[in-house]
Amino acid sequence: MSAIASRNRVPRVTLRSFVLPFALLLLAAACATSPKPPPPPSRDIIVLLPDDQGKTGAIVVSSGGVERRLDRPGETVTVEAGSPPGLPTVLSGQEVSAIAGPALAALPKPPARFILYFKHDSVDLTPESQAFLKVVVGTILDRVPVDISVVGHTDTLGEKEYNYALSLRRAKAVAAILRGNGVDPSVLDITSHGKDNPLVPTGDQVPEPRNRRVEITIR
């Protein structure tokens, strides 16, 4: 009977072997949910740069209740979140290139603008503007792909309707010259302002050679 009883006895299962892995799992979970250290405060460097014409305006940087005015090329100030901006300093050209060079290189070129002048009551360019055309065409071909606006103008002599038609013919004449020099016609936007928007403001019926023009903007 003792032998039979030993075969039917339910074996005891110890849980001792499972205790340590379970404890390690709880420890790992506790480590995973521990708070992360706060990120360092953001820090910005602001540099005032001249525009494509070499002109510099001014900006005011405000933070933490303190304002700093920047109005010189290359002038810079450092700002941390929630803190007053530091004292402005002026960077050398090399320092400006190191900070802003990659961003400036990624910017598109600024628009190029040209003015071609015409003879009185004519679609013929002045000799000086005729010679200047090679510069215009060279700039366009160097910046492909581009969008080009060609806007015709007149002085205030004559009737408004006549001047509108004349300035449109001037714009179309310039566009034809550009096409003849390899410029894609699809990039040309041709418009006319007539005697409106003079380059040199005058009264009505005043001859002014500088208003007899076509303005070209290359973007």
C-alpha atoms as a PDB file:
ATOM      1  CA  MET A   1       0.000   0.000   0.000  1.00  0.00           C
ATOM      2  CA  SER A   2       2.852   2.359   0.745  1.00  0.00           C
ATOM      3  CA  ALA A   3       4.167   1.937  -2.779  1.00  0.00           C
ATOM      4  CA  ILE A   4       0.794   2.760  -4.350  1.00  0.00           C
ATOM      5  CA  ALA A   5       0.367   5.752  -2.141  1.00  0.00           C
ATOM      6  CA  SER A   6       3.719   7.193  -3.213  1.00  0.00           C
ATOM      7  CA  ARG A   7       2.764   6.991  -6.924  1.00  0.00           C
ATOM      8  CA  ASN A   8      -0.535   8.839  -6.430  1.00  0.00           C
ATOM      9  CA  ARG A   9       0.882  11.638  -4.269  1.00  0.00           C
ATOM     10  CA  VAL A  10       0.642  15.098  -5.926  1.00  0.00           C
ATOM     11  CA  PRO A  11       4.133  16.567  -6.184  1.00  0.00           C
ATOM     12  CA  ARG A  12       4.808  19.866  -4.432  1.00  0.00           C
ATOM     13  CA  VAL A  13       5.806  22.723  -6.782  1.00  0.00           C
ATOM     14  CA  THR A  14       8.088  25.333  -5.331  1.00  0.00           C
ATOM     15  CA  LEU A  15       7.683  29.019  -6.408  1.00  0.00           C
ATOM     16  CA  ARG A  16      11.131  29.914  -5.241  1.00  0.00           C
ATOM     17  CA  SER A  17      12.593  29.778  -8.780  1.00  0.00           C
ATOM     18  CA  PHE A  18      10.046  32.395 -10.035  1.00  0.00           C
ATOM     19  CA  VAL A  19      10.529  34.999  -7.334  1.00  0.00           C
ATOM     20  CA  LEU A  20      13.844  36.516  -8.513  1.00  0.00           C
ATOM     21  CA  PRO A  21      12.887  37.077 -12.213  1.00  0.00           C
ATOM     22  CA  PHE A  22       9.614  38.695 -11.154  1.00  0.00           C
ATOM     23  CA  ALA A  23      11.443  41.027  -8.796  1.00  0.00           C
ATOM     24  CA  LEU A  24      13.837  42.003 -11.589  1.00  0.00           C
ATOM     25  CA  LEU A  25      10.901  42.722 -13.892  1.00  0.00           C
ATOM     26  CA  LEU A  26       9.405  45.097 -11.342  1.00  0.00           C
ATOM     27  CA  LEU A  27      12.764  46.841 -10.971  1.00  0.00           C
ATOM     28  CA  ALA A  28      13.071  47.290 -14.713  1.00  0.00           C
ATOM     29  CA  ALA A  29       9.577  48.741 -14.924  1.00  0.00           C
ATOM     30  CA  ALA A  30      10.387  51.157 -12.129  1.00  0.00           C
ATOM     31  CA  CYS A  31      13.513  52.330 -13.984  1.00  0.00           C
ATOM     32  CA  ALA A  32      11.588  52.781 -17.238  1.00  0.00           C
ATOM     33  CA  THR A  33       9.026  55.104 -15.676  1.00  0.00           C
ATOM     34  CA  SER A  34      11.481  57.324 -13.803  1.00  0.00           C
ATOM     35  CA  PRO A  35      11.148  61.012 -14.875  1.00  0.00           C
ATOM     36  CA  LYS A  36      13.567  62.332 -17.482  1.00  0.00           C
ATOM     37  CA  PRO A  37      15.667  65.375 -16.667  1.00  0.00           C
ATOM     38  CA  PRO A  38      14.246  68.610 -18.145  1.00  0.00           C
ATOM     39  CA  PRO A  39      15.794  69.731 -21.443  1.00  0.00           C
ATOM     40  CA  PRO A  40      18.193  72.662 -21.370  1.00  0.00           C
ATOM     41  CA  PRO A  41      16.601  76.053 -22.065  1.00  0.00           C
ATOM     42  CA  SER A  42      16.407  77.036 -25.730  1.00  0.00           C
ATOM     43  CA  ARG A  43      19.074  79.469 -26.874  1.00  0.00           C
ATOM     44  CA  ASP A  44      18.745  81.652 -29.968  1.00  0.00           C
ATOM     45  CA  ILE A  45      21.346  83.787 -31.706  1.00  0.00           C
ATOM     46  CA  ILE A  46      19.890  86.710 -33.674  1.00  0.00           C
ATOM     47  CA  VAL A  47      22.073  88.405 -36.298  1.00  0.00           C
ATOM     48  CA  LEU A  48      21.086  91.535 -38.257  1.00  0.00           C
ATOM     49  CA  LEU A  49      22.097  91.223 -41.913  1.00  0.00           C
ATOM     50  CA  PRO A  50      21.956  93.786 -44.749  1.00  0.00           C
ATOM     51  CA  ASP A  51      19.532  93.245 -47.630  1.00  0.00           C
ATOM     52  CA  ASP A  52      20.547  92.517 -51.221  1.00  0.00           C
ATOM     53  CA  GLN A  53      21.088  96.261 -51.745  1.00  0.00           C
ATOM     54  CA  GLY A  54      23.493  96.445 -48.792  1.00  0.00           C
ATOM     55  CA  LYS A  55      21.005  98.382 -46.644  1.00  0.00           C
ATOM     56  CA  THR A  56      20.320  97.564 -43.008  1.00  0.00           C
ATOM     57  CA  GLY A  57      17.195  98.440 -41.067  1.00  0.00           C
ATOM     58  CA  ALA A  58      16.691  97.836 -37.370  1.00  0.00           C
ATOM     59  CA  ILE A  59      14.984  95.295 -35.126  1.00  0.00           C
ATOM     60  CA  VAL A  60      14.122  95.214 -31.424  1.00  0.00           C
ATOM     61  CA  VAL A  61      14.641  91.941 -29.553  1.00  0.00           C
ATOM     62  CA  SER A  62      12.511  91.619 -26.410  1.00  0.00           C
ATOM     63  CA  SER A  63      12.652  88.911 -23.746  1.00  0.00           C
ATOM     64  CA  GLY A  64      12.232  88.786 -19.974  1.00  0.00           C
ATOM     65  CA  GLY A  65      11.031  92.396 -19.918  1.00  0.00           C
ATOM     66  CA  VAL A  66      14.241  93.726 -21.523  1.00  0.00           C
ATOM     67  CA  GLU A  67      14.592  95.136 -25.063  1.00  0.00           C
ATOM     68  CA  ARG A  68      17.735  95.293 -27.209  1.00  0.00           C
ATOM     69  CA  ARG A  69      17.891  97.293 -30.460  1.00  0.00           C
ATOM     70  CA  LEU A  70      20.015  96.015 -33.351  1.00  0.00           C
ATOM     71  CA  ASP A  71      20.712  98.541 -36.132  1.00  0.00           C
ATOM     72  CA  ARG A  72      24.209  97.780 -37.474  1.00  0.00           C
ATOM     73  CA  PRO A  73      25.246  95.123 -40.019  1.00  0.00           C
ATOM     74  CA  GLY A  74      26.450  91.993 -38.248  1.00  0.00           C
ATOM     75  CA  GLU A  75      25.110  93.104 -34.870  1.00  0.00           C
ATOM     76  CA  THR A  76      23.980  90.127 -32.812  1.00  0.00           C
ATOM     77  CA  VAL A  77      22.328  89.262 -29.512  1.00  0.00           C
ATOM     78  CA  THR A  78      21.834  85.946 -27.708  1.00  0.00           C
ATOM     79  CA  VAL A  79      18.506  85.079 -26.071  1.00  0.00           C
ATOM     80  CA  GLU A  80      17.617  82.202 -23.741  1.00  0.00           C
ATOM     81  CA  ALA A  81      13.982  81.327 -23.079  1.00  0.00           C
ATOM     82  CA  GLY A  82      12.545  83.386 -20.243  1.00  0.00           C
ATOM     83  CA  SER A  83      15.749  85.398 -19.741  1.00  0.00           C
ATOM     84  CA  PRO A  84      16.645  88.938 -20.825  1.00  0.00           C
ATOM     85  CA  PRO A  85      18.689  89.137 -24.039  1.00  0.00           C
ATOM     86  CA  GLY A  86      22.409  89.685 -23.643  1.00  0.00           C
ATOM     87  CA  LEU A  87      24.258  92.825 -24.654  1.00  0.00           C
ATOM     88  CA  PRO A  88      24.527  93.297 -28.436  1.00  0.00           C
ATOM     89  CA  THR A  89      27.893  92.746 -30.107  1.00  0.00           C
ATOM     90  CA  VAL A  90      29.086  93.174 -33.691  1.00  0.00           C
ATOM     91  CA  LEU A  91      30.432  90.108 -35.488  1.00  0.00           C
ATOM     92  CA  SER A  92      33.140  90.095 -38.136  1.00  0.00           C
ATOM     93  CA  GLY A  93      32.282  88.999 -41.643  1.00  0.00           C
ATOM     94  CA  GLN A  94      33.903  85.628 -41.019  1.00  0.00           C
ATOM     95  CA  GLU A  95      31.863  85.091 -37.854  1.00  0.00           C
ATOM     96  CA  VAL A  96      28.638  86.036 -39.656  1.00  0.00           C
ATOM     97  CA  SER A  97      29.430  83.529 -42.417  1.00  0.00           C
ATOM     98  CA  ALA A  98      30.076  80.798 -39.847  1.00  0.00           C
ATOM     99  CA  ILE A  99      26.690  81.387 -38.189  1.00  0.00           C
ATOM    100  CA  ALA A 100      24.423  82.331 -41.094  1.00  0.00           C
ATOM    101  CA  GLY A 101      26.359  81.118 -44.145  1.00  0.00           C
ATOM    102  CA  PRO A 102      24.519  77.798 -44.680  1.00  0.00           C
ATOM    103  CA  ALA A 103      21.098  79.433 -44.265  1.00  0.00           C
ATOM    104  CA  LEU A 104      21.982  82.278 -46.645  1.00  0.00           C
ATOM    105  CA  ALA A 105      23.330  79.861 -49.244  1.00  0.00           C
ATOM    106  CA  ALA A 106      20.007  78.003 -49.238  1.00  0.00           C
ATOM    107  CA  LEU A 107      17.993  81.153 -49.989  1.00  0.00           C
ATOM    108  CA  PRO A 108      16.948  81.905 -53.574  1.00  0.00           C
ATOM    109  CA  LYS A 109      18.698  84.795 -55.253  1.00  0.00           C
ATOM    110  CA  PRO A 110      16.961  88.151 -54.734  1.00  0.00           C
ATOM    111  CA  PRO A 111      15.050  89.545 -57.720  1.00  0.00           C
ATOM    112  CA  ALA A 112      17.116  91.343 -60.351  1.00  0.00           C
ATOM    113  CA  ARG A 113      15.600  94.512 -61.798  1.00  0.00           C
ATOM    114  CA  PHE A 114      16.510  96.386 -64.976  1.00  0.00           C
ATOM    115  CA  ILE A 115      15.145  99.434 -66.803  1.00  0.00           C
ATOM    116  CA  LEU A 116      15.383  99.917 -70.545  1.00  0.00           C
ATOM    117  CA  TYR A 117      14.614 103.370 -72.015  1.00  0.00           C
ATOM    118  CA  PHE A 118      12.942 104.283 -75.298  1.00  0.00           C
ATOM    119  CA  LYS A 119      12.991 107.097 -77.788  1.00  0.00           C
ATOM    120  CA  HIS A 120      10.089 109.541 -77.777  1.00  0.00           C
ATOM    121  CA  ASP A 121       6.776 108.096 -79.061  1.00  0.00           C
ATOM    122  CA  SER A 122       8.593 104.978 -80.260  1.00  0.00           C
ATOM    123  CA  VAL A 123       9.235 101.291 -79.576  1.00  0.00           C
ATOM    124  CA  ASP A 124      12.921 101.775 -80.393  1.00  0.00           C
ATOM    125  CA  LEU A 125      15.348 101.505 -77.490  1.00  0.00           C
ATOM    126  CA  THR A 126      17.841 104.261 -76.837  1.00  0.00           C
ATOM    127  CA  PRO A 127      21.406 103.340 -77.913  1.00  0.00           C
ATOM    128  CA  GLU A 128      22.456 102.983 -74.267  1.00  0.00           C
ATOM    129  CA  SER A 129      19.635 100.576 -73.479  1.00  0.00           C
ATOM    130  CA  GLN A 130      20.250  98.645 -76.680  1.00  0.00           C
ATOM    131  CA  ALA A 131      23.824  98.036 -75.556  1.00  0.00           C
ATOM    132  CA  PHE A 132      22.646  97.105 -72.050  1.00  0.00           C
ATOM    133  CA  LEU A 133      20.448  94.282 -73.316  1.00  0.00           C
ATOM    134  CA  LYS A 134      23.342  91.788 -73.206  1.00  0.00           C
ATOM    135  CA  VAL A 135      23.535  92.258 -69.430  1.00  0.00           C
ATOM    136  CA  VAL A 136      19.812  91.570 -69.073  1.00  0.00           C
ATOM    137  CA  VAL A 137      19.926  88.451 -71.226  1.00  0.00           C
ATOM    138  CA  GLY A 138      23.045  87.168 -69.471  1.00  0.00           C
ATOM    139  CA  THR A 139      21.387  87.558 -66.071  1.00  0.00           C
ATOM    140  CA  ILE A 140      18.302  85.660 -67.208  1.00  0.00           C
ATOM    141  CA  LEU A 141      20.278  82.760 -68.672  1.00  0.00           C
ATOM    142  CA  ASP A 142      22.445  82.599 -65.558  1.00  0.00           C
ATOM    143  CA  ARG A 143      19.408  82.267 -63.244  1.00  0.00           C
ATOM    144  CA  VAL A 144      17.321  79.707 -65.144  1.00  0.00           C
ATOM    145  CA  PRO A 145      14.638  78.690 -64.235  1.00  0.00           C
ATOM    146  CA  VAL A 146      13.100  82.120 -63.695  1.00  0.00           C
ATOM    147  CA  ASP A 147       9.901  84.126 -63.887  1.00  0.00           C
ATOM    148  CA  ILE A 148      10.178  87.457 -65.696  1.00  0.00           C
ATOM    149  CA  SER A 149       7.801  90.403 -65.633  1.00  0.00           C
ATOM    150  CA  VAL A 150       8.076  92.901 -68.503  1.00  0.00           C
ATOM    151  CA  VAL A 151       6.157  96.111 -67.800  1.00  0.00           C
ATOM    152  CA  GLY A 152       5.827  98.943 -70.307  1.00  0.00           C
ATOM    153  CA  HIS A 153       5.549 102.652 -69.376  1.00  0.00           C
ATOM    154  CA  THR A 154       5.290 106.071 -71.051  1.00  0.00           C
ATOM    155  CA  ASP A 155       5.630 109.670 -69.981  1.00  0.00           C
ATOM    156  CA  THR A 156       2.499 111.766 -69.514  1.00  0.00           C
ATOM    157  CA  LEU A 157       2.390 113.266 -73.017  1.00  0.00           C
ATOM    158  CA  GLY A 158      -0.657 112.211 -75.030  1.00  0.00           C
ATOM    159  CA  GLU A 159      -3.948 110.536 -74.198  1.00  0.00           C
ATOM    160  CA  LYS A 160      -4.225 107.758 -71.638  1.00  0.00           C
ATOM    161  CA  GLU A 161      -5.522 105.138 -74.101  1.00  0.00           C
ATOM    162  CA  TYR A 162      -2.782 105.907 -76.618  1.00  0.00           C
ATOM    163  CA  ASN A 163      -0.076 105.696 -73.973  1.00  0.00           C
ATOM    164  CA  TYR A 164      -1.408 102.390 -72.675  1.00  0.00           C
ATOM    165  CA  ALA A 165      -1.186 100.903 -76.174  1.00  0.00           C
ATOM    166  CA  LEU A 166       2.286 102.418 -76.718  1.00  0.00           C
ATOM    167  CA  SER A 167       3.692 101.043 -73.488  1.00  0.00           C
ATOM    168  CA  LEU A 168       2.231  97.618 -74.262  1.00  0.00           C
ATOM    169  CA  ARG A 169       3.986  97.669 -77.642  1.00  0.00           C
ATOM    170  CA  ARG A 170       7.215  98.557 -75.868  1.00  0.00           C
ATOM    171  CA  ALA A 171       6.836  95.622 -73.470  1.00  0.00           C
ATOM    172  CA  LYS A 172       6.078  93.258 -76.344  1.00  0.00           C
ATOM    173  CA  ALA A 173       9.095  94.546 -78.272  1.00  0.00           C
ATOM    174  CA  VAL A 174      11.398  93.796 -75.349  1.00  0.00           C
ATOM    175  CA  ALA A 175       9.803  90.367 -74.864  1.00  0.00           C
ATOM    176  CA  ALA A 176      10.438  89.605 -78.546  1.00  0.00           C
ATOM    177  CA  ILE A 177      14.117  90.526 -78.120  1.00  0.00           C
ATOM    178  CA  LEU A 178      14.391  88.242 -75.081  1.00  0.00           C
ATOM    179  CA  ARG A 179      12.769  85.351 -76.952  1.00  0.00           C
ATOM    180  CA  GLY A 180      15.161  85.902 -79.822  1.00  0.00           C
ATOM    181  CA  ASN A 181      18.032  85.490 -77.377  1.00  0.00           C
ATOM    182  CA  GLY A 182      16.880  82.114 -76.081  1.00  0.00           C
ATOM    183  CA  VAL A 183      14.512  83.089 -73.266  1.00  0.00           C
ATOM    184  CA  ASP A 184      11.593  80.692 -72.830  1.00  0.00           C
ATOM    185  CA  PRO A 185       8.366  82.539 -73.788  1.00  0.00           C
ATOM    186  CA  SER A 186       6.416  80.724 -71.054  1.00  0.00           C
ATOM    187  CA  VAL A 187       8.312  82.576 -68.279  1.00  0.00           C
ATOM    188  CA  LEU A 188       7.420  86.041 -69.627  1.00  0.00           C
ATOM    189  CA  ASP A 189       4.593  88.063 -68.048  1.00  0.00           C
ATOM    190  CA  ILE A 190       3.892  91.108 -70.248  1.00  0.00           C
ATOM    191  CA  THR A 191       1.860  94.052 -68.940  1.00  0.00           C
ATOM    192  CA  SER A 192       1.355  97.761 -69.576  1.00  0.00           C
ATOM    193  CA  HIS A 193       0.954 100.698 -67.198  1.00  0.00           C
ATOM    194  CA  GLY A 194       0.775 103.476 -69.784  1.00  0.00           C
ATOM    195  CA  LYS A 195       1.275 106.901 -68.218  1.00  0.00           C
ATOM    196  CA  ASP A 196       0.433 105.580 -64.732  1.00  0.00           C
ATOM    197  CA  ASN A 197       3.212 104.835 -62.220  1.00  0.00           C
ATOM    198  CA  PRO A 198       5.878 107.174 -63.617  1.00  0.00           C
ATOM    199  CA  LEU A 199       9.438 106.664 -62.472  1.00  0.00           C
ATOM    200  CA  VAL A 200       9.806 110.439 -62.195  1.00  0.00           C
ATOM    201  CA  PRO A 201       6.539 112.035 -61.016  1.00  0.00           C
ATOM    202  CA  THR A 202       5.436 114.914 -63.247  1.00  0.00           C
ATOM    203  CA  GLY A 203       2.280 116.759 -64.136  1.00  0.00           C
ATOM    204  CA  ASP A 204       0.165 115.753 -67.104  1.00  0.00           C
ATOM    205  CA  GLN A 205       1.482 116.395 -70.628  1.00  0.00           C
ATOM    206  CA  VAL A 206       5.097 116.663 -69.443  1.00  0.00           C
ATOM    207  CA  PRO A 207       7.851 115.029 -71.524  1.00  0.00           C
ATOM    208  CA  GLU A 208      10.211 113.005 -69.343  1.00  0.00           C
ATOM    209  CA  PRO A 209      12.688 110.595 -71.034  1.00  0.00           C
ATOM    210  CA  ARG A 210      13.139 108.521 -67.854  1.00  0.00           C
ATOM    211  CA  ASN A 211       9.442 107.626 -67.873  1.00  0.00           C
ATOM    212  CA  ARG A 212       9.621 106.164 -71.402  1.00  0.00           C
ATOM    213  CA  ARG A 213      10.737 102.759 -70.273  1.00  0.00           C
ATOM    214  CA  VAL A 214      10.243  99.031 -69.788  1.00  0.00           C
ATOM    215  CA  GLU A 215      10.940  97.587 -66.373  1.00  0.00           C
ATOM    216  CA  ILE A 216      12.156  93.985 -66.216  1.00  0.00           C
ATOM    217  CA  THR A 217      12.064  91.984 -62.987  1.00  0.00           C
ATOM    218  CA  ILE A 218      13.754  88.576 -62.906  1.00  0.00           C
ATOM    219  CA  ARG A 219      12.787  86.219 -60.068  1.00  0.00           C
END
